[in-house]
Amino acid sequence: RIPPNNRSLLVISTTSRRQLLDDLDMADCFTSEVFVPAINSLESVFTVIKETSMFSENDQDFIIAELLRLFSKDSSVSISIKALLNLLSLASQDSENGPNRFIESFSSFVIRE
């Protein structure tokens, strides 16, 4: 739909495949581009868990404690913010086992040395 008179339209898009926008001649449709680097530390993951509030405070504390039990605080992680938010969202919908489901899914993103 065309926005009403004197109104602007804001379109926000995310992609991990920038080249595809170029191939489809769509890159020029956007006026700005923001690069969001992958999350690479457990501390950053903990911040996202707390800030999104997808889990109760008790569940957040459980998830953080369990991740610290399983991995060193200095463990390297490689996950995009989009993937992390998707994991949190899907796991939070599981009312019976959400925190454990998140921990299990997230563990594959921890780099084991």
N, C-alpha and C. Protein backbone atom coordinates (compact mmCIF):
# COMPACT_ATOMS: atom_id res chain seq x y z
N ARG A 1 0.83 -1.19 0.00
CA ARG A 1 0.00 0.00 0.00
C ARG A 1 0.87 1.25 0.00
N ILE A 2 0.37 2.28 -0.60
CA ILE A 2 1.05 3.57 -0.60
C ILE A 2 0.71 4.26 0.72
N PRO A 3 1.72 4.83 1.38
CA PRO A 3 1.43 5.51 2.65
C PRO A 3 0.54 6.74 2.42
N PRO A 4 -0.22 7.12 3.44
CA PRO A 4 -1.08 8.32 3.32
C PRO A 4 -0.23 9.56 3.05
N ASN A 5 -0.90 10.62 2.57
CA ASN A 5 -0.20 11.88 2.28
C ASN A 5 0.59 12.35 3.49
N ASN A 6 1.74 12.93 3.22
CA ASN A 6 2.62 13.48 4.25
C ASN A 6 3.15 12.42 5.22
N ARG A 7 3.15 11.19 4.82
CA ARG A 7 3.68 10.11 5.66
C ARG A 7 4.82 9.42 4.91
N SER A 8 5.77 8.94 5.69
CA SER A 8 6.89 8.21 5.10
C SER A 8 6.69 6.72 5.34
N LEU A 9 7.39 5.95 4.58
CA LEU A 9 7.36 4.50 4.74
C LEU A 9 8.76 4.05 5.12
N LEU A 10 8.85 3.32 6.22
CA LEU A 10 10.13 2.78 6.68
C LEU A 10 10.11 1.27 6.47
N VAL A 11 11.09 0.78 5.73
CA VAL A 11 11.21 -0.65 5.49
C VAL A 11 12.55 -1.10 6.07
N ILE A 12 12.47 -2.08 6.95
CA ILE A 12 13.69 -2.64 7.54
C ILE A 12 13.78 -4.09 7.08
N SER A 13 14.95 -4.47 6.63
CA SER A 13 15.15 -5.82 6.12
C SER A 13 16.42 -6.39 6.71
N THR A 14 16.44 -7.69 6.90
CA THR A 14 17.66 -8.35 7.35
C THR A 14 18.01 -9.45 6.36
N THR A 15 19.29 -9.67 6.22
CA THR A 15 19.75 -10.77 5.38
C THR A 15 21.16 -11.17 5.77
N SER A 16 21.46 -12.40 5.59
CA SER A 16 22.83 -12.86 5.76
C SER A 16 23.44 -13.11 4.38
N ARG A 17 22.66 -12.77 3.34
CA ARG A 17 23.11 -13.00 1.96
C ARG A 17 23.06 -11.70 1.17
N ARG A 18 23.96 -10.80 1.49
CA ARG A 18 24.01 -9.48 0.85
C ARG A 18 24.14 -9.60 -0.67
N GLN A 19 24.88 -10.58 -1.12
CA GLN A 19 25.10 -10.78 -2.55
C GLN A 19 23.78 -11.00 -3.29
N LEU A 20 22.83 -11.63 -2.63
CA LEU A 20 21.52 -11.87 -3.25
C LEU A 20 20.83 -10.55 -3.59
N LEU A 21 20.92 -9.58 -2.71
CA LEU A 21 20.33 -8.26 -2.99
C LEU A 21 20.97 -7.63 -4.22
N ASP A 22 22.28 -7.80 -4.34
CA ASP A 22 22.97 -7.29 -5.53
C ASP A 22 22.51 -8.02 -6.78
N ASP A 23 22.42 -9.34 -6.69
CA ASP A 23 22.00 -10.14 -7.85
C ASP A 23 20.60 -9.80 -8.33
N LEU A 24 19.73 -9.43 -7.40
CA LEU A 24 18.35 -9.08 -7.73
C LEU A 24 18.18 -7.58 -8.00
N ASP A 25 19.28 -6.86 -8.06
CA ASP A 25 19.26 -5.40 -8.24
C ASP A 25 18.37 -4.71 -7.22
N MET A 26 18.41 -5.19 -5.99
CA MET A 26 17.59 -4.60 -4.94
C MET A 26 18.41 -3.80 -3.94
N ALA A 27 19.72 -3.91 -3.98
CA ALA A 27 20.56 -3.23 -2.99
C ALA A 27 20.35 -1.73 -3.02
N ASP A 28 20.10 -1.17 -4.20
CA ASP A 28 19.91 0.28 -4.33
C ASP A 28 18.56 0.75 -3.79
N CYS A 29 17.68 -0.17 -3.44
CA CYS A 29 16.37 0.20 -2.88
C CYS A 29 16.49 0.69 -1.44
N PHE A 30 17.60 0.43 -0.82
CA PHE A 30 17.79 0.78 0.59
C PHE A 30 18.72 1.98 0.70
N THR A 31 18.40 2.89 1.62
CA THR A 31 19.20 4.10 1.76
C THR A 31 20.36 3.94 2.72
N SER A 32 20.29 2.93 3.57
CA SER A 32 21.42 2.70 4.47
C SER A 32 21.54 1.22 4.77
N GLU A 33 22.71 0.89 5.26
CA GLU A 33 23.02 -0.51 5.55
C GLU A 33 23.78 -0.55 6.87
N VAL A 34 23.39 -1.45 7.73
CA VAL A 34 24.05 -1.58 9.03
C VAL A 34 24.54 -3.02 9.15
N PHE A 35 25.83 -3.16 9.35
CA PHE A 35 26.41 -4.48 9.54
C PHE A 35 26.35 -4.83 11.02
N VAL A 36 25.80 -5.97 11.34
CA VAL A 36 25.73 -6.44 12.72
C VAL A 36 26.60 -7.69 12.82
N PRO A 37 27.71 -7.60 13.54
CA PRO A 37 28.62 -8.75 13.61
C PRO A 37 28.02 -9.89 14.42
N ALA A 38 28.54 -11.06 14.20
CA ALA A 38 28.11 -12.23 14.97
C ALA A 38 28.46 -12.05 16.44
N ILE A 39 27.68 -12.68 17.27
CA ILE A 39 27.96 -12.67 18.70
C ILE A 39 29.07 -13.69 18.94
N ASN A 40 30.08 -13.29 19.73
CA ASN A 40 31.23 -14.18 19.89
C ASN A 40 31.61 -14.48 21.34
N SER A 41 30.76 -14.05 22.30
CA SER A 41 31.08 -14.35 23.70
C SER A 41 29.82 -14.77 24.46
N LEU A 42 30.01 -15.60 25.47
CA LEU A 42 28.88 -15.99 26.31
C LEU A 42 28.29 -14.78 27.03
N GLU A 43 29.14 -13.85 27.42
CA GLU A 43 28.67 -12.65 28.11
C GLU A 43 27.66 -11.88 27.25
N SER A 44 27.94 -11.80 25.95
CA SER A 44 27.00 -11.13 25.04
C SER A 44 25.69 -11.92 24.92
N VAL A 45 25.80 -13.23 24.91
CA VAL A 45 24.60 -14.07 24.87
C VAL A 45 23.76 -13.82 26.12
N PHE A 46 24.41 -13.74 27.27
CA PHE A 46 23.69 -13.50 28.53
C PHE A 46 22.97 -12.15 28.48
N THR A 47 23.61 -11.16 27.89
CA THR A 47 22.97 -9.83 27.77
C THR A 47 21.71 -9.92 26.92
N VAL A 48 21.78 -10.64 25.81
CA VAL A 48 20.61 -10.78 24.95
C VAL A 48 19.50 -11.54 25.67
N ILE A 49 19.85 -12.59 26.38
CA ILE A 49 18.86 -13.36 27.14
C ILE A 49 18.13 -12.45 28.12
N LYS A 50 18.87 -11.62 28.82
CA LYS A 50 18.27 -10.73 29.82
C LYS A 50 17.46 -9.61 29.18
N GLU A 51 18.00 -9.00 28.14
CA GLU A 51 17.34 -7.85 27.52
C GLU A 51 16.06 -8.21 26.77
N THR A 52 16.00 -9.40 26.22
CA THR A 52 14.80 -9.79 25.47
C THR A 52 13.66 -10.20 26.39
N SER A 53 13.98 -10.65 27.58
CA SER A 53 12.96 -11.08 28.56
C SER A 53 11.99 -12.11 28.00
N MET A 54 12.49 -12.99 27.14
CA MET A 54 11.62 -14.04 26.60
C MET A 54 11.39 -15.14 27.63
N PHE A 55 12.26 -15.21 28.63
CA PHE A 55 12.11 -16.16 29.72
C PHE A 55 11.94 -15.40 31.03
N SER A 56 11.34 -16.03 32.01
CA SER A 56 11.22 -15.44 33.34
C SER A 56 12.62 -15.23 33.91
N GLU A 57 12.71 -14.41 34.94
CA GLU A 57 14.02 -14.19 35.57
C GLU A 57 14.60 -15.49 36.12
N ASN A 58 13.75 -16.34 36.69
CA ASN A 58 14.24 -17.63 37.20
C ASN A 58 14.79 -18.49 36.08
N ASP A 59 14.08 -18.53 34.95
CA ASP A 59 14.56 -19.32 33.80
C ASP A 59 15.83 -18.72 33.22
N GLN A 60 15.92 -17.39 33.18
CA GLN A 60 17.14 -16.73 32.70
C GLN A 60 18.33 -17.13 33.58
N ASP A 61 18.12 -17.06 34.89
CA ASP A 61 19.18 -17.42 35.83
C ASP A 61 19.59 -18.88 35.66
N PHE A 62 18.59 -19.75 35.44
CA PHE A 62 18.88 -21.18 35.22
C PHE A 62 19.71 -21.37 33.96
N ILE A 63 19.30 -20.73 32.87
CA ILE A 63 20.00 -20.87 31.59
C ILE A 63 21.45 -20.41 31.74
N ILE A 64 21.64 -19.25 32.33
CA ILE A 64 23.00 -18.70 32.48
C ILE A 64 23.85 -19.61 33.35
N ALA A 65 23.30 -20.06 34.48
CA ALA A 65 24.06 -20.94 35.37
C ALA A 65 24.41 -22.25 34.68
N GLU A 66 23.49 -22.79 33.93
CA GLU A 66 23.73 -24.06 33.24
C GLU A 66 24.77 -23.90 32.14
N LEU A 67 24.71 -22.80 31.40
CA LEU A 67 25.73 -22.56 30.36
C LEU A 67 27.11 -22.37 30.99
N LEU A 68 27.16 -21.71 32.14
CA LEU A 68 28.45 -21.54 32.82
C LEU A 68 28.96 -22.86 33.39
N ARG A 69 28.03 -23.76 33.74
CA ARG A 69 28.43 -25.08 34.22
C ARG A 69 28.99 -25.92 33.07
N LEU A 70 28.38 -25.78 31.90
CA LEU A 70 28.78 -26.59 30.74
C LEU A 70 30.01 -26.04 30.02
N PHE A 71 30.17 -24.71 30.02
CA PHE A 71 31.24 -24.07 29.26
C PHE A 71 31.97 -23.05 30.13
N SER A 72 33.20 -22.80 29.77
CA SER A 72 33.97 -21.77 30.45
C SER A 72 33.38 -20.40 30.12
N LYS A 73 33.46 -19.47 31.06
CA LYS A 73 32.95 -18.11 30.82
C LYS A 73 33.65 -17.47 29.64
N ASP A 74 34.89 -17.91 29.36
CA ASP A 74 35.68 -17.36 28.26
C ASP A 74 35.50 -18.12 26.95
N SER A 75 34.55 -19.05 26.91
CA SER A 75 34.32 -19.83 25.69
C SER A 75 33.95 -18.92 24.53
N SER A 76 34.42 -19.28 23.36
CA SER A 76 34.06 -18.54 22.15
C SER A 76 32.75 -19.06 21.61
N VAL A 77 31.99 -18.15 21.04
CA VAL A 77 30.67 -18.45 20.48
C VAL A 77 30.65 -17.87 19.07
N SER A 78 29.89 -18.47 18.20
CA SER A 78 29.69 -17.90 16.87
C SER A 78 28.23 -18.09 16.47
N ILE A 79 27.45 -17.00 16.66
CA ILE A 79 26.03 -17.05 16.34
C ILE A 79 25.57 -15.65 15.95
N SER A 80 24.74 -15.55 14.94
CA SER A 80 24.20 -14.25 14.55
C SER A 80 23.11 -13.85 15.54
N ILE A 81 22.86 -12.57 15.65
CA ILE A 81 21.80 -12.11 16.54
C ILE A 81 20.46 -12.67 16.08
N LYS A 82 20.26 -12.77 14.79
CA LYS A 82 19.01 -13.32 14.26
C LYS A 82 18.83 -14.77 14.69
N ALA A 83 19.88 -15.56 14.58
CA ALA A 83 19.79 -16.98 14.97
C ALA A 83 19.56 -17.10 16.48
N LEU A 84 20.24 -16.26 17.26
CA LEU A 84 20.06 -16.31 18.71
C LEU A 84 18.63 -15.93 19.09
N LEU A 85 18.10 -14.89 18.48
CA LEU A 85 16.72 -14.49 18.77
C LEU A 85 15.73 -15.59 18.36
N ASN A 86 16.01 -16.25 17.25
CA ASN A 86 15.14 -17.36 16.82
C ASN A 86 15.18 -18.50 17.82
N LEU A 87 16.37 -18.86 18.29
CA LEU A 87 16.49 -19.93 19.30
C LEU A 87 15.73 -19.57 20.56
N LEU A 88 15.90 -18.33 21.02
CA LEU A 88 15.21 -17.88 22.23
C LEU A 88 13.70 -17.91 22.04
N SER A 89 13.26 -17.43 20.90
CA SER A 89 11.82 -17.38 20.62
C SER A 89 11.19 -18.77 20.58
N LEU A 90 11.82 -19.67 19.86
CA LEU A 90 11.29 -21.03 19.75
C LEU A 90 11.29 -21.74 21.10
N ALA A 91 12.39 -21.62 21.82
CA ALA A 91 12.49 -22.30 23.11
C ALA A 91 11.52 -21.71 24.13
N SER A 92 11.30 -20.41 24.09
CA SER A 92 10.41 -19.78 25.07
C SER A 92 8.95 -20.20 24.88
N GLN A 93 8.63 -20.72 23.72
CA GLN A 93 7.26 -21.18 23.46
C GLN A 93 7.00 -22.56 24.06
N ASP A 94 8.05 -23.23 24.48
CA ASP A 94 7.92 -24.54 25.12
C ASP A 94 7.78 -24.32 26.62
N SER A 95 6.54 -24.31 27.11
CA SER A 95 6.28 -23.97 28.51
C SER A 95 6.81 -25.01 29.49
N GLU A 96 7.00 -26.24 29.04
CA GLU A 96 7.46 -27.29 29.94
C GLU A 96 8.98 -27.41 30.00
N ASN A 97 9.65 -27.22 28.87
CA ASN A 97 11.08 -27.51 28.82
C ASN A 97 11.87 -26.44 28.06
N GLY A 98 11.36 -25.21 28.01
CA GLY A 98 11.99 -24.15 27.23
C GLY A 98 13.45 -23.88 27.54
N PRO A 99 13.80 -23.68 28.82
CA PRO A 99 15.21 -23.40 29.12
C PRO A 99 16.16 -24.52 28.68
N ASN A 100 15.78 -25.77 28.94
CA ASN A 100 16.63 -26.89 28.51
C ASN A 100 16.68 -27.00 27.00
N ARG A 101 15.57 -26.71 26.35
CA ARG A 101 15.54 -26.75 24.89
C ARG A 101 16.49 -25.69 24.32
N PHE A 102 16.48 -24.49 24.93
CA PHE A 102 17.39 -23.44 24.47
C PHE A 102 18.84 -23.87 24.66
N ILE A 103 19.17 -24.37 25.85
CA ILE A 103 20.55 -24.77 26.15
C ILE A 103 21.03 -25.83 25.16
N GLU A 104 20.18 -26.81 24.90
CA GLU A 104 20.55 -27.88 23.97
C GLU A 104 20.78 -27.33 22.57
N SER A 105 19.89 -26.46 22.10
CA SER A 105 20.03 -25.90 20.75
C SER A 105 21.23 -24.97 20.65
N PHE A 106 21.41 -24.15 21.67
CA PHE A 106 22.48 -23.15 21.65
C PHE A 106 23.87 -23.80 21.73
N SER A 107 23.99 -24.91 22.41
CA SER A 107 25.30 -25.53 22.65
C SER A 107 26.10 -25.78 21.37
N SER A 108 25.43 -25.99 20.26
CA SER A 108 26.15 -26.25 19.01
C SER A 108 26.85 -25.00 18.47
N PHE A 109 26.55 -23.83 19.03
CA PHE A 109 27.17 -22.59 18.60
C PHE A 109 28.40 -22.22 19.44
N VAL A 110 28.67 -23.01 20.46
CA VAL A 110 29.86 -22.77 21.29
C VAL A 110 31.03 -23.47 20.62
N ILE A 111 32.12 -22.74 20.46
CA ILE A 111 33.30 -23.30 19.80
C ILE A 111 34.12 -24.05 20.83
N ARG A 112 34.27 -25.34 20.61
CA ARG A 112 35.04 -26.18 21.53
C ARG A 112 36.47 -26.27 21.03
N GLU A 113 37.38 -25.96 21.92
CA GLU A 113 38.79 -25.95 21.51
C GLU A 113 39.53 -27.16 22.01
